[in-house]
Amino acid sequence: GAIGVLDRPSHPVTVYIQSADFGA
């Protein structure tokens, strides 16, 4: 993972989900 500076207004802890087609 990664630990860093909060650059958005909410959701400081999250996971990323694998996707081959971001648009879909």
PDBML (XML) file of the C-alpha atoms, coordinates in Angstrom:
<?xml version="1.0" encoding="UTF-8" ?>
<PDBx:datablock datablockName="MODEL"
   xmlns:PDBx="http://pdbml.pdb.org/schema/pdbx-v50.xsd"
   xmlns:xsi="http://www.w3.org/2001/XMLSchema-instance"
   xsi:schemaLocation="http://pdbml.pdb.org/schema/pdbx-v50.xsd pdbx-v50.xsd">
   <PDBx:atom_siteCategory>
      <PDBx:atom_site id="1">
         <PDBx:B_iso_or_equiv>0.00</PDBx:B_iso_or_equiv>
         <PDBx:Cartn_x>0.000</PDBx:Cartn_x>
         <PDBx:Cartn_y>0.000</PDBx:Cartn_y>
         <PDBx:Cartn_z>0.000</PDBx:Cartn_z>
         <PDBx:auth_asym_id>A</PDBx:auth_asym_id>
         <PDBx:auth_atom_id>CA</PDBx:auth_atom_id>
         <PDBx:auth_comp_id>GLY</PDBx:auth_comp_id>
         <PDBx:auth_seq_id>1</PDBx:auth_seq_id>
         <PDBx:group_PDB>ATOM</PDBx:group_PDB>
         <PDBx:label_alt_id xsi:nil="true" />
         <PDBx:label_asym_id>A</PDBx:label_asym_id>
         <PDBx:label_atom_id>CA</PDBx:label_atom_id>
         <PDBx:label_comp_id>GLY</PDBx:label_comp_id>
         <PDBx:label_entity_id>1</PDBx:label_entity_id>
         <PDBx:label_seq_id>1</PDBx:label_seq_id>
         <PDBx:occupancy>1.00</PDBx:occupancy>
         <PDBx:pdbx_PDB_model_num>1</PDBx:pdbx_PDB_model_num>
         <PDBx:type_symbol>C</PDBx:type_symbol>
      </PDBx:atom_site>
      <PDBx:atom_site id="2">
         <PDBx:B_iso_or_equiv>0.00</PDBx:B_iso_or_equiv>
         <PDBx:Cartn_x>0.936</PDBx:Cartn_x>
         <PDBx:Cartn_y>3.613</PDBx:Cartn_y>
         <PDBx:Cartn_z>0.615</PDBx:Cartn_z>
         <PDBx:auth_asym_id>A</PDBx:auth_asym_id>
         <PDBx:auth_atom_id>CA</PDBx:auth_atom_id>
         <PDBx:auth_comp_id>ALA</PDBx:auth_comp_id>
         <PDBx:auth_seq_id>2</PDBx:auth_seq_id>
         <PDBx:group_PDB>ATOM</PDBx:group_PDB>
         <PDBx:label_alt_id xsi:nil="true" />
         <PDBx:label_asym_id>A</PDBx:label_asym_id>
         <PDBx:label_atom_id>CA</PDBx:label_atom_id>
         <PDBx:label_comp_id>ALA</PDBx:label_comp_id>
         <PDBx:label_entity_id>1</PDBx:label_entity_id>
         <PDBx:label_seq_id>2</PDBx:label_seq_id>
         <PDBx:occupancy>1.00</PDBx:occupancy>
         <PDBx:pdbx_PDB_model_num>1</PDBx:pdbx_PDB_model_num>
         <PDBx:type_symbol>C</PDBx:type_symbol>
      </PDBx:atom_site>
      <PDBx:atom_site id="3">
         <PDBx:B_iso_or_equiv>0.00</PDBx:B_iso_or_equiv>
         <PDBx:Cartn_x>0.777</PDBx:Cartn_x>
         <PDBx:Cartn_y>6.168</PDBx:Cartn_y>
         <PDBx:Cartn_z>3.431</PDBx:Cartn_z>
         <PDBx:auth_asym_id>A</PDBx:auth_asym_id>
         <PDBx:auth_atom_id>CA</PDBx:auth_atom_id>
         <PDBx:auth_comp_id>ILE</PDBx:auth_comp_id>
         <PDBx:auth_seq_id>3</PDBx:auth_seq_id>
         <PDBx:group_PDB>ATOM</PDBx:group_PDB>
         <PDBx:label_alt_id xsi:nil="true" />
         <PDBx:label_asym_id>A</PDBx:label_asym_id>
         <PDBx:label_atom_id>CA</PDBx:label_atom_id>
         <PDBx:label_comp_id>ILE</PDBx:label_comp_id>
         <PDBx:label_entity_id>1</PDBx:label_entity_id>
         <PDBx:label_seq_id>3</PDBx:label_seq_id>
         <PDBx:occupancy>1.00</PDBx:occupancy>
         <PDBx:pdbx_PDB_model_num>1</PDBx:pdbx_PDB_model_num>
         <PDBx:type_symbol>C</PDBx:type_symbol>
      </PDBx:atom_site>
      <PDBx:atom_site id="4">
         <PDBx:B_iso_or_equiv>0.00</PDBx:B_iso_or_equiv>
         <PDBx:Cartn_x>0.687</PDBx:Cartn_x>
         <PDBx:Cartn_y>9.834</PDBx:Cartn_y>
         <PDBx:Cartn_z>2.544</PDBx:Cartn_z>
         <PDBx:auth_asym_id>A</PDBx:auth_asym_id>
         <PDBx:auth_atom_id>CA</PDBx:auth_atom_id>
         <PDBx:auth_comp_id>GLY</PDBx:auth_comp_id>
         <PDBx:auth_seq_id>4</PDBx:auth_seq_id>
         <PDBx:group_PDB>ATOM</PDBx:group_PDB>
         <PDBx:label_alt_id xsi:nil="true" />
         <PDBx:label_asym_id>A</PDBx:label_asym_id>
         <PDBx:label_atom_id>CA</PDBx:label_atom_id>
         <PDBx:label_comp_id>GLY</PDBx:label_comp_id>
         <PDBx:label_entity_id>1</PDBx:label_entity_id>
         <PDBx:label_seq_id>4</PDBx:label_seq_id>
         <PDBx:occupancy>1.00</PDBx:occupancy>
         <PDBx:pdbx_PDB_model_num>1</PDBx:pdbx_PDB_model_num>
         <PDBx:type_symbol>C</PDBx:type_symbol>
      </PDBx:atom_site>
      <PDBx:atom_site id="5">
         <PDBx:B_iso_or_equiv>0.00</PDBx:B_iso_or_equiv>
         <PDBx:Cartn_x>-0.891</PDBx:Cartn_x>
         <PDBx:Cartn_y>13.286</PDBx:Cartn_y>
         <PDBx:Cartn_z>2.675</PDBx:Cartn_z>
         <PDBx:auth_asym_id>A</PDBx:auth_asym_id>
         <PDBx:auth_atom_id>CA</PDBx:auth_atom_id>
         <PDBx:auth_comp_id>VAL</PDBx:auth_comp_id>
         <PDBx:auth_seq_id>5</PDBx:auth_seq_id>
         <PDBx:group_PDB>ATOM</PDBx:group_PDB>
         <PDBx:label_alt_id xsi:nil="true" />
         <PDBx:label_asym_id>A</PDBx:label_asym_id>
         <PDBx:label_atom_id>CA</PDBx:label_atom_id>
         <PDBx:label_comp_id>VAL</PDBx:label_comp_id>
         <PDBx:label_entity_id>1</PDBx:label_entity_id>
         <PDBx:label_seq_id>5</PDBx:label_seq_id>
         <PDBx:occupancy>1.00</PDBx:occupancy>
         <PDBx:pdbx_PDB_model_num>1</PDBx:pdbx_PDB_model_num>
         <PDBx:type_symbol>C</PDBx:type_symbol>
      </PDBx:atom_site>
      <PDBx:atom_site id="6">
         <PDBx:B_iso_or_equiv>0.00</PDBx:B_iso_or_equiv>
         <PDBx:Cartn_x>-4.682</PDBx:Cartn_x>
         <PDBx:Cartn_y>13.488</PDBx:Cartn_y>
         <PDBx:Cartn_z>2.462</PDBx:Cartn_z>
         <PDBx:auth_asym_id>A</PDBx:auth_asym_id>
         <PDBx:auth_atom_id>CA</PDBx:auth_atom_id>
         <PDBx:auth_comp_id>LEU</PDBx:auth_comp_id>
         <PDBx:auth_seq_id>6</PDBx:auth_seq_id>
         <PDBx:group_PDB>ATOM</PDBx:group_PDB>
         <PDBx:label_alt_id xsi:nil="true" />
         <PDBx:label_asym_id>A</PDBx:label_asym_id>
         <PDBx:label_atom_id>CA</PDBx:label_atom_id>
         <PDBx:label_comp_id>LEU</PDBx:label_comp_id>
         <PDBx:label_entity_id>1</PDBx:label_entity_id>
         <PDBx:label_seq_id>6</PDBx:label_seq_id>
         <PDBx:occupancy>1.00</PDBx:occupancy>
         <PDBx:pdbx_PDB_model_num>1</PDBx:pdbx_PDB_model_num>
         <PDBx:type_symbol>C</PDBx:type_symbol>
      </PDBx:atom_site>
      <PDBx:atom_site id="7">
         <PDBx:B_iso_or_equiv>0.00</PDBx:B_iso_or_equiv>
         <PDBx:Cartn_x>-5.450</PDBx:Cartn_x>
         <PDBx:Cartn_y>15.111</PDBx:Cartn_y>
         <PDBx:Cartn_z>-0.896</PDBx:Cartn_z>
         <PDBx:auth_asym_id>A</PDBx:auth_asym_id>
         <PDBx:auth_atom_id>CA</PDBx:auth_atom_id>
         <PDBx:auth_comp_id>ASP</PDBx:auth_comp_id>
         <PDBx:auth_seq_id>7</PDBx:auth_seq_id>
         <PDBx:group_PDB>ATOM</PDBx:group_PDB>
         <PDBx:label_alt_id xsi:nil="true" />
         <PDBx:label_asym_id>A</PDBx:label_asym_id>
         <PDBx:label_atom_id>CA</PDBx:label_atom_id>
         <PDBx:label_comp_id>ASP</PDBx:label_comp_id>
         <PDBx:label_entity_id>1</PDBx:label_entity_id>
         <PDBx:label_seq_id>7</PDBx:label_seq_id>
         <PDBx:occupancy>1.00</PDBx:occupancy>
         <PDBx:pdbx_PDB_model_num>1</PDBx:pdbx_PDB_model_num>
         <PDBx:type_symbol>C</PDBx:type_symbol>
      </PDBx:atom_site>
      <PDBx:atom_site id="8">
         <PDBx:B_iso_or_equiv>0.00</PDBx:B_iso_or_equiv>
         <PDBx:Cartn_x>-9.246</PDBx:Cartn_x>
         <PDBx:Cartn_y>14.738</PDBx:Cartn_y>
         <PDBx:Cartn_z>-0.911</PDBx:Cartn_z>
         <PDBx:auth_asym_id>A</PDBx:auth_asym_id>
         <PDBx:auth_atom_id>CA</PDBx:auth_atom_id>
         <PDBx:auth_comp_id>ARG</PDBx:auth_comp_id>
         <PDBx:auth_seq_id>8</PDBx:auth_seq_id>
         <PDBx:group_PDB>ATOM</PDBx:group_PDB>
         <PDBx:label_alt_id xsi:nil="true" />
         <PDBx:label_asym_id>A</PDBx:label_asym_id>
         <PDBx:label_atom_id>CA</PDBx:label_atom_id>
         <PDBx:label_comp_id>ARG</PDBx:label_comp_id>
         <PDBx:label_entity_id>1</PDBx:label_entity_id>
         <PDBx:label_seq_id>8</PDBx:label_seq_id>
         <PDBx:occupancy>1.00</PDBx:occupancy>
         <PDBx:pdbx_PDB_model_num>1</PDBx:pdbx_PDB_model_num>
         <PDBx:type_symbol>C</PDBx:type_symbol>
      </PDBx:atom_site>
      <PDBx:atom_site id="9">
         <PDBx:B_iso_or_equiv>0.00</PDBx:B_iso_or_equiv>
         <PDBx:Cartn_x>-12.033</PDBx:Cartn_x>
         <PDBx:Cartn_y>15.891</PDBx:Cartn_y>
         <PDBx:Cartn_z>1.419</PDBx:Cartn_z>
         <PDBx:auth_asym_id>A</PDBx:auth_asym_id>
         <PDBx:auth_atom_id>CA</PDBx:auth_atom_id>
         <PDBx:auth_comp_id>PRO</PDBx:auth_comp_id>
         <PDBx:auth_seq_id>9</PDBx:auth_seq_id>
         <PDBx:group_PDB>ATOM</PDBx:group_PDB>
         <PDBx:label_alt_id xsi:nil="true" />
         <PDBx:label_asym_id>A</PDBx:label_asym_id>
         <PDBx:label_atom_id>CA</PDBx:label_atom_id>
         <PDBx:label_comp_id>PRO</PDBx:label_comp_id>
         <PDBx:label_entity_id>1</PDBx:label_entity_id>
         <PDBx:label_seq_id>9</PDBx:label_seq_id>
         <PDBx:occupancy>1.00</PDBx:occupancy>
         <PDBx:pdbx_PDB_model_num>1</PDBx:pdbx_PDB_model_num>
         <PDBx:type_symbol>C</PDBx:type_symbol>
      </PDBx:atom_site>
      <PDBx:atom_site id="10">
         <PDBx:B_iso_or_equiv>0.00</PDBx:B_iso_or_equiv>
         <PDBx:Cartn_x>-12.979</PDBx:Cartn_x>
         <PDBx:Cartn_y>12.435</PDBx:Cartn_y>
         <PDBx:Cartn_z>2.744</PDBx:Cartn_z>
         <PDBx:auth_asym_id>A</PDBx:auth_asym_id>
         <PDBx:auth_atom_id>CA</PDBx:auth_atom_id>
         <PDBx:auth_comp_id>SER</PDBx:auth_comp_id>
         <PDBx:auth_seq_id>10</PDBx:auth_seq_id>
         <PDBx:group_PDB>ATOM</PDBx:group_PDB>
         <PDBx:label_alt_id xsi:nil="true" />
         <PDBx:label_asym_id>A</PDBx:label_asym_id>
         <PDBx:label_atom_id>CA</PDBx:label_atom_id>
         <PDBx:label_comp_id>SER</PDBx:label_comp_id>
         <PDBx:label_entity_id>1</PDBx:label_entity_id>
         <PDBx:label_seq_id>10</PDBx:label_seq_id>
         <PDBx:occupancy>1.00</PDBx:occupancy>
         <PDBx:pdbx_PDB_model_num>1</PDBx:pdbx_PDB_model_num>
         <PDBx:type_symbol>C</PDBx:type_symbol>
      </PDBx:atom_site>
      <PDBx:atom_site id="11">
         <PDBx:B_iso_or_equiv>0.00</PDBx:B_iso_or_equiv>
         <PDBx:Cartn_x>-12.224</PDBx:Cartn_x>
         <PDBx:Cartn_y>8.688</PDBx:Cartn_y>
         <PDBx:Cartn_z>2.704</PDBx:Cartn_z>
         <PDBx:auth_asym_id>A</PDBx:auth_asym_id>
         <PDBx:auth_atom_id>CA</PDBx:auth_atom_id>
         <PDBx:auth_comp_id>HIS</PDBx:auth_comp_id>
         <PDBx:auth_seq_id>11</PDBx:auth_seq_id>
         <PDBx:group_PDB>ATOM</PDBx:group_PDB>
         <PDBx:label_alt_id xsi:nil="true" />
         <PDBx:label_asym_id>A</PDBx:label_asym_id>
         <PDBx:label_atom_id>CA</PDBx:label_atom_id>
         <PDBx:label_comp_id>HIS</PDBx:label_comp_id>
         <PDBx:label_entity_id>1</PDBx:label_entity_id>
         <PDBx:label_seq_id>11</PDBx:label_seq_id>
         <PDBx:occupancy>1.00</PDBx:occupancy>
         <PDBx:pdbx_PDB_model_num>1</PDBx:pdbx_PDB_model_num>
         <PDBx:type_symbol>C</PDBx:type_symbol>
      </PDBx:atom_site>
      <PDBx:atom_site id="12">
         <PDBx:B_iso_or_equiv>0.00</PDBx:B_iso_or_equiv>
         <PDBx:Cartn_x>-8.661</PDBx:Cartn_x>
         <PDBx:Cartn_y>8.776</PDBx:Cartn_y>
         <PDBx:Cartn_z>4.057</PDBx:Cartn_z>
         <PDBx:auth_asym_id>A</PDBx:auth_asym_id>
         <PDBx:auth_atom_id>CA</PDBx:auth_atom_id>
         <PDBx:auth_comp_id>PRO</PDBx:auth_comp_id>
         <PDBx:auth_seq_id>12</PDBx:auth_seq_id>
         <PDBx:group_PDB>ATOM</PDBx:group_PDB>
         <PDBx:label_alt_id xsi:nil="true" />
         <PDBx:label_asym_id>A</PDBx:label_asym_id>
         <PDBx:label_atom_id>CA</PDBx:label_atom_id>
         <PDBx:label_comp_id>PRO</PDBx:label_comp_id>
         <PDBx:label_entity_id>1</PDBx:label_entity_id>
         <PDBx:label_seq_id>12</PDBx:label_seq_id>
         <PDBx:occupancy>1.00</PDBx:occupancy>
         <PDBx:pdbx_PDB_model_num>1</PDBx:pdbx_PDB_model_num>
         <PDBx:type_symbol>C</PDBx:type_symbol>
      </PDBx:atom_site>
      <PDBx:atom_site id="13">
         <PDBx:B_iso_or_equiv>0.00</PDBx:B_iso_or_equiv>
         <PDBx:Cartn_x>-8.452</PDBx:Cartn_x>
         <PDBx:Cartn_y>4.971</PDBx:Cartn_y>
         <PDBx:Cartn_z>4.284</PDBx:Cartn_z>
         <PDBx:auth_asym_id>A</PDBx:auth_asym_id>
         <PDBx:auth_atom_id>CA</PDBx:auth_atom_id>
         <PDBx:auth_comp_id>VAL</PDBx:auth_comp_id>
         <PDBx:auth_seq_id>13</PDBx:auth_seq_id>
         <PDBx:group_PDB>ATOM</PDBx:group_PDB>
         <PDBx:label_alt_id xsi:nil="true" />
         <PDBx:label_asym_id>A</PDBx:label_asym_id>
         <PDBx:label_atom_id>CA</PDBx:label_atom_id>
         <PDBx:label_comp_id>VAL</PDBx:label_comp_id>
         <PDBx:label_entity_id>1</PDBx:label_entity_id>
         <PDBx:label_seq_id>13</PDBx:label_seq_id>
         <PDBx:occupancy>1.00</PDBx:occupancy>
         <PDBx:pdbx_PDB_model_num>1</PDBx:pdbx_PDB_model_num>
         <PDBx:type_symbol>C</PDBx:type_symbol>
      </PDBx:atom_site>
      <PDBx:atom_site id="14">
         <PDBx:B_iso_or_equiv>0.00</PDBx:B_iso_or_equiv>
         <PDBx:Cartn_x>-9.347</PDBx:Cartn_x>
         <PDBx:Cartn_y>2.917</PDBx:Cartn_y>
         <PDBx:Cartn_z>1.244</PDBx:Cartn_z>
         <PDBx:auth_asym_id>A</PDBx:auth_asym_id>
         <PDBx:auth_atom_id>CA</PDBx:auth_atom_id>
         <PDBx:auth_comp_id>THR</PDBx:auth_comp_id>
         <PDBx:auth_seq_id>14</PDBx:auth_seq_id>
         <PDBx:group_PDB>ATOM</PDBx:group_PDB>
         <PDBx:label_alt_id xsi:nil="true" />
         <PDBx:label_asym_id>A</PDBx:label_asym_id>
         <PDBx:label_atom_id>CA</PDBx:label_atom_id>
         <PDBx:label_comp_id>THR</PDBx:label_comp_id>
         <PDBx:label_entity_id>1</PDBx:label_entity_id>
         <PDBx:label_seq_id>14</PDBx:label_seq_id>
         <PDBx:occupancy>1.00</PDBx:occupancy>
         <PDBx:pdbx_PDB_model_num>1</PDBx:pdbx_PDB_model_num>
         <PDBx:type_symbol>C</PDBx:type_symbol>
      </PDBx:atom_site>
      <PDBx:atom_site id="15">
         <PDBx:B_iso_or_equiv>0.00</PDBx:B_iso_or_equiv>
         <PDBx:Cartn_x>-8.454</PDBx:Cartn_x>
         <PDBx:Cartn_y>0.004</PDBx:Cartn_y>
         <PDBx:Cartn_z>-1.006</PDBx:Cartn_z>
         <PDBx:auth_asym_id>A</PDBx:auth_asym_id>
         <PDBx:auth_atom_id>CA</PDBx:auth_atom_id>
         <PDBx:auth_comp_id>VAL</PDBx:auth_comp_id>
         <PDBx:auth_seq_id>15</PDBx:auth_seq_id>
         <PDBx:group_PDB>ATOM</PDBx:group_PDB>
         <PDBx:label_alt_id xsi:nil="true" />
         <PDBx:label_asym_id>A</PDBx:label_asym_id>
         <PDBx:label_atom_id>CA</PDBx:label_atom_id>
         <PDBx:label_comp_id>VAL</PDBx:label_comp_id>
         <PDBx:label_entity_id>1</PDBx:label_entity_id>
         <PDBx:label_seq_id>15</PDBx:label_seq_id>
         <PDBx:occupancy>1.00</PDBx:occupancy>
         <PDBx:pdbx_PDB_model_num>1</PDBx:pdbx_PDB_model_num>
         <PDBx:type_symbol>C</PDBx:type_symbol>
      </PDBx:atom_site>
      <PDBx:atom_site id="16">
         <PDBx:B_iso_or_equiv>0.00</PDBx:B_iso_or_equiv>
         <PDBx:Cartn_x>-8.100</PDBx:Cartn_x>
         <PDBx:Cartn_y>-0.081</PDBx:Cartn_y>
         <PDBx:Cartn_z>-4.767</PDBx:Cartn_z>
         <PDBx:auth_asym_id>A</PDBx:auth_asym_id>
         <PDBx:auth_atom_id>CA</PDBx:auth_atom_id>
         <PDBx:auth_comp_id>TYR</PDBx:auth_comp_id>
         <PDBx:auth_seq_id>16</PDBx:auth_seq_id>
         <PDBx:group_PDB>ATOM</PDBx:group_PDB>
         <PDBx:label_alt_id xsi:nil="true" />
         <PDBx:label_asym_id>A</PDBx:label_asym_id>
         <PDBx:label_atom_id>CA</PDBx:label_atom_id>
         <PDBx:label_comp_id>TYR</PDBx:label_comp_id>
         <PDBx:label_entity_id>1</PDBx:label_entity_id>
         <PDBx:label_seq_id>16</PDBx:label_seq_id>
         <PDBx:occupancy>1.00</PDBx:occupancy>
         <PDBx:pdbx_PDB_model_num>1</PDBx:pdbx_PDB_model_num>
         <PDBx:type_symbol>C</PDBx:type_symbol>
      </PDBx:atom_site>
      <PDBx:atom_site id="17">
         <PDBx:B_iso_or_equiv>0.00</PDBx:B_iso_or_equiv>
         <PDBx:Cartn_x>-10.000</PDBx:Cartn_x>
         <PDBx:Cartn_y>-2.571</PDBx:Cartn_y>
         <PDBx:Cartn_z>-6.906</PDBx:Cartn_z>
         <PDBx:auth_asym_id>A</PDBx:auth_asym_id>
         <PDBx:auth_atom_id>CA</PDBx:auth_atom_id>
         <PDBx:auth_comp_id>ILE</PDBx:auth_comp_id>
         <PDBx:auth_seq_id>17</PDBx:auth_seq_id>
         <PDBx:group_PDB>ATOM</PDBx:group_PDB>
         <PDBx:label_alt_id xsi:nil="true" />
         <PDBx:label_asym_id>A</PDBx:label_asym_id>
         <PDBx:label_atom_id>CA</PDBx:label_atom_id>
         <PDBx:label_comp_id>ILE</PDBx:label_comp_id>
         <PDBx:label_entity_id>1</PDBx:label_entity_id>
         <PDBx:label_seq_id>17</PDBx:label_seq_id>
         <PDBx:occupancy>1.00</PDBx:occupancy>
         <PDBx:pdbx_PDB_model_num>1</PDBx:pdbx_PDB_model_num>
         <PDBx:type_symbol>C</PDBx:type_symbol>
      </PDBx:atom_site>
      <PDBx:atom_site id="18">
         <PDBx:B_iso_or_equiv>0.00</PDBx:B_iso_or_equiv>
         <PDBx:Cartn_x>-8.453</PDBx:Cartn_x>
         <PDBx:Cartn_y>-4.034</PDBx:Cartn_y>
         <PDBx:Cartn_z>-10.064</PDBx:Cartn_z>
         <PDBx:auth_asym_id>A</PDBx:auth_asym_id>
         <PDBx:auth_atom_id>CA</PDBx:auth_atom_id>
         <PDBx:auth_comp_id>GLN</PDBx:auth_comp_id>
         <PDBx:auth_seq_id>18</PDBx:auth_seq_id>
         <PDBx:group_PDB>ATOM</PDBx:group_PDB>
         <PDBx:label_alt_id xsi:nil="true" />
         <PDBx:label_asym_id>A</PDBx:label_asym_id>
         <PDBx:label_atom_id>CA</PDBx:label_atom_id>
         <PDBx:label_comp_id>GLN</PDBx:label_comp_id>
         <PDBx:label_entity_id>1</PDBx:label_entity_id>
         <PDBx:label_seq_id>18</PDBx:label_seq_id>
         <PDBx:occupancy>1.00</PDBx:occupancy>
         <PDBx:pdbx_PDB_model_num>1</PDBx:pdbx_PDB_model_num>
         <PDBx:type_symbol>C</PDBx:type_symbol>
      </PDBx:atom_site>
      <PDBx:atom_site id="19">
         <PDBx:B_iso_or_equiv>0.00</PDBx:B_iso_or_equiv>
         <PDBx:Cartn_x>-10.177</PDBx:Cartn_x>
         <PDBx:Cartn_y>-2.998</PDBx:Cartn_y>
         <PDBx:Cartn_z>-13.290</PDBx:Cartn_z>
         <PDBx:auth_asym_id>A</PDBx:auth_asym_id>
         <PDBx:auth_atom_id>CA</PDBx:auth_atom_id>
         <PDBx:auth_comp_id>SER</PDBx:auth_comp_id>
         <PDBx:auth_seq_id>19</PDBx:auth_seq_id>
         <PDBx:group_PDB>ATOM</PDBx:group_PDB>
         <PDBx:label_alt_id xsi:nil="true" />
         <PDBx:label_asym_id>A</PDBx:label_asym_id>
         <PDBx:label_atom_id>CA</PDBx:label_atom_id>
         <PDBx:label_comp_id>SER</PDBx:label_comp_id>
         <PDBx:label_entity_id>1</PDBx:label_entity_id>
         <PDBx:label_seq_id>19</PDBx:label_seq_id>
         <PDBx:occupancy>1.00</PDBx:occupancy>
         <PDBx:pdbx_PDB_model_num>1</PDBx:pdbx_PDB_model_num>
         <PDBx:type_symbol>C</PDBx:type_symbol>
      </PDBx:atom_site>
      <PDBx:atom_site id="20">
         <PDBx:B_iso_or_equiv>0.00</PDBx:B_iso_or_equiv>
         <PDBx:Cartn_x>-9.172</PDBx:Cartn_x>
         <PDBx:Cartn_y>-3.521</PDBx:Cartn_y>
         <PDBx:Cartn_z>-16.911</PDBx:Cartn_z>
         <PDBx:auth_asym_id>A</PDBx:auth_asym_id>
         <PDBx:auth_atom_id>CA</PDBx:auth_atom_id>
         <PDBx:auth_comp_id>ALA</PDBx:auth_comp_id>
         <PDBx:auth_seq_id>20</PDBx:auth_seq_id>
         <PDBx:group_PDB>ATOM</PDBx:group_PDB>
         <PDBx:label_alt_id xsi:nil="true" />
         <PDBx:label_asym_id>A</PDBx:label_asym_id>
         <PDBx:label_atom_id>CA</PDBx:label_atom_id>
         <PDBx:label_comp_id>ALA</PDBx:label_comp_id>
         <PDBx:label_entity_id>1</PDBx:label_entity_id>
         <PDBx:label_seq_id>20</PDBx:label_seq_id>
         <PDBx:occupancy>1.00</PDBx:occupancy>
         <PDBx:pdbx_PDB_model_num>1</PDBx:pdbx_PDB_model_num>
         <PDBx:type_symbol>C</PDBx:type_symbol>
      </PDBx:atom_site>
      <PDBx:atom_site id="21">
         <PDBx:B_iso_or_equiv>0.00</PDBx:B_iso_or_equiv>
         <PDBx:Cartn_x>-11.741</PDBx:Cartn_x>
         <PDBx:Cartn_y>-0.975</PDBx:Cartn_y>
         <PDBx:Cartn_z>-18.132</PDBx:Cartn_z>
         <PDBx:auth_asym_id>A</PDBx:auth_asym_id>
         <PDBx:auth_atom_id>CA</PDBx:auth_atom_id>
         <PDBx:auth_comp_id>ASP</PDBx:auth_comp_id>
         <PDBx:auth_seq_id>21</PDBx:auth_seq_id>
         <PDBx:group_PDB>ATOM</PDBx:group_PDB>
         <PDBx:label_alt_id xsi:nil="true" />
         <PDBx:label_asym_id>A</PDBx:label_asym_id>
         <PDBx:label_atom_id>CA</PDBx:label_atom_id>
         <PDBx:label_comp_id>ASP</PDBx:label_comp_id>
         <PDBx:label_entity_id>1</PDBx:label_entity_id>
         <PDBx:label_seq_id>21</PDBx:label_seq_id>
         <PDBx:occupancy>1.00</PDBx:occupancy>
         <PDBx:pdbx_PDB_model_num>1</PDBx:pdbx_PDB_model_num>
         <PDBx:type_symbol>C</PDBx:type_symbol>
      </PDBx:atom_site>
      <PDBx:atom_site id="22">
         <PDBx:B_iso_or_equiv>0.00</PDBx:B_iso_or_equiv>
         <PDBx:Cartn_x>-12.040</PDBx:Cartn_x>
         <PDBx:Cartn_y>2.126</PDBx:Cartn_y>
         <PDBx:Cartn_z>-15.953</PDBx:Cartn_z>
         <PDBx:auth_asym_id>A</PDBx:auth_asym_id>
         <PDBx:auth_atom_id>CA</PDBx:auth_atom_id>
         <PDBx:auth_comp_id>PHE</PDBx:auth_comp_id>
         <PDBx:auth_seq_id>22</PDBx:auth_seq_id>
         <PDBx:group_PDB>ATOM</PDBx:group_PDB>
         <PDBx:label_alt_id xsi:nil="true" />
         <PDBx:label_asym_id>A</PDBx:label_asym_id>
         <PDBx:label_atom_id>CA</PDBx:label_atom_id>
         <PDBx:label_comp_id>PHE</PDBx:label_comp_id>
         <PDBx:label_entity_id>1</PDBx:label_entity_id>
         <PDBx:label_seq_id>22</PDBx:label_seq_id>
         <PDBx:occupancy>1.00</PDBx:occupancy>
         <PDBx:pdbx_PDB_model_num>1</PDBx:pdbx_PDB_model_num>
         <PDBx:type_symbol>C</PDBx:type_symbol>
      </PDBx:atom_site>
      <PDBx:atom_site id="23">
         <PDBx:B_iso_or_equiv>0.00</PDBx:B_iso_or_equiv>
         <PDBx:Cartn_x>-14.807</PDBx:Cartn_x>
         <PDBx:Cartn_y>3.594</PDBx:Cartn_y>
         <PDBx:Cartn_z>-18.080</PDBx:Cartn_z>
         <PDBx:auth_asym_id>A</PDBx:auth_asym_id>
         <PDBx:auth_atom_id>CA</PDBx:auth_atom_id>
         <PDBx:auth_comp_id>GLY</PDBx:auth_comp_id>
         <PDBx:auth_seq_id>23</PDBx:auth_seq_id>
         <PDBx:group_PDB>ATOM</PDBx:group_PDB>
         <PDBx:label_alt_id xsi:nil="true" />
         <PDBx:label_asym_id>A</PDBx:label_asym_id>
         <PDBx:label_atom_id>CA</PDBx:label_atom_id>
         <PDBx:label_comp_id>GLY</PDBx:label_comp_id>
         <PDBx:label_entity_id>1</PDBx:label_entity_id>
         <PDBx:label_seq_id>23</PDBx:label_seq_id>
         <PDBx:occupancy>1.00</PDBx:occupancy>
         <PDBx:pdbx_PDB_model_num>1</PDBx:pdbx_PDB_model_num>
         <PDBx:type_symbol>C</PDBx:type_symbol>
      </PDBx:atom_site>
      <PDBx:atom_site id="24">
         <PDBx:B_iso_or_equiv>0.00</PDBx:B_iso_or_equiv>
         <PDBx:Cartn_x>-17.016</PDBx:Cartn_x>
         <PDBx:Cartn_y>0.533</PDBx:Cartn_y>
         <PDBx:Cartn_z>-17.801</PDBx:Cartn_z>
         <PDBx:auth_asym_id>A</PDBx:auth_asym_id>
         <PDBx:auth_atom_id>CA</PDBx:auth_atom_id>
         <PDBx:auth_comp_id>ALA</PDBx:auth_comp_id>
         <PDBx:auth_seq_id>24</PDBx:auth_seq_id>
         <PDBx:group_PDB>ATOM</PDBx:group_PDB>
         <PDBx:label_alt_id xsi:nil="true" />
         <PDBx:label_asym_id>A</PDBx:label_asym_id>
         <PDBx:label_atom_id>CA</PDBx:label_atom_id>
         <PDBx:label_comp_id>ALA</PDBx:label_comp_id>
         <PDBx:label_entity_id>1</PDBx:label_entity_id>
         <PDBx:label_seq_id>24</PDBx:label_seq_id>
         <PDBx:occupancy>1.00</PDBx:occupancy>
         <PDBx:pdbx_PDB_model_num>1</PDBx:pdbx_PDB_model_num>
         <PDBx:type_symbol>C</PDBx:type_symbol>
      </PDBx:atom_site>
   </PDBx:atom_siteCategory>
</PDBx:datablock>
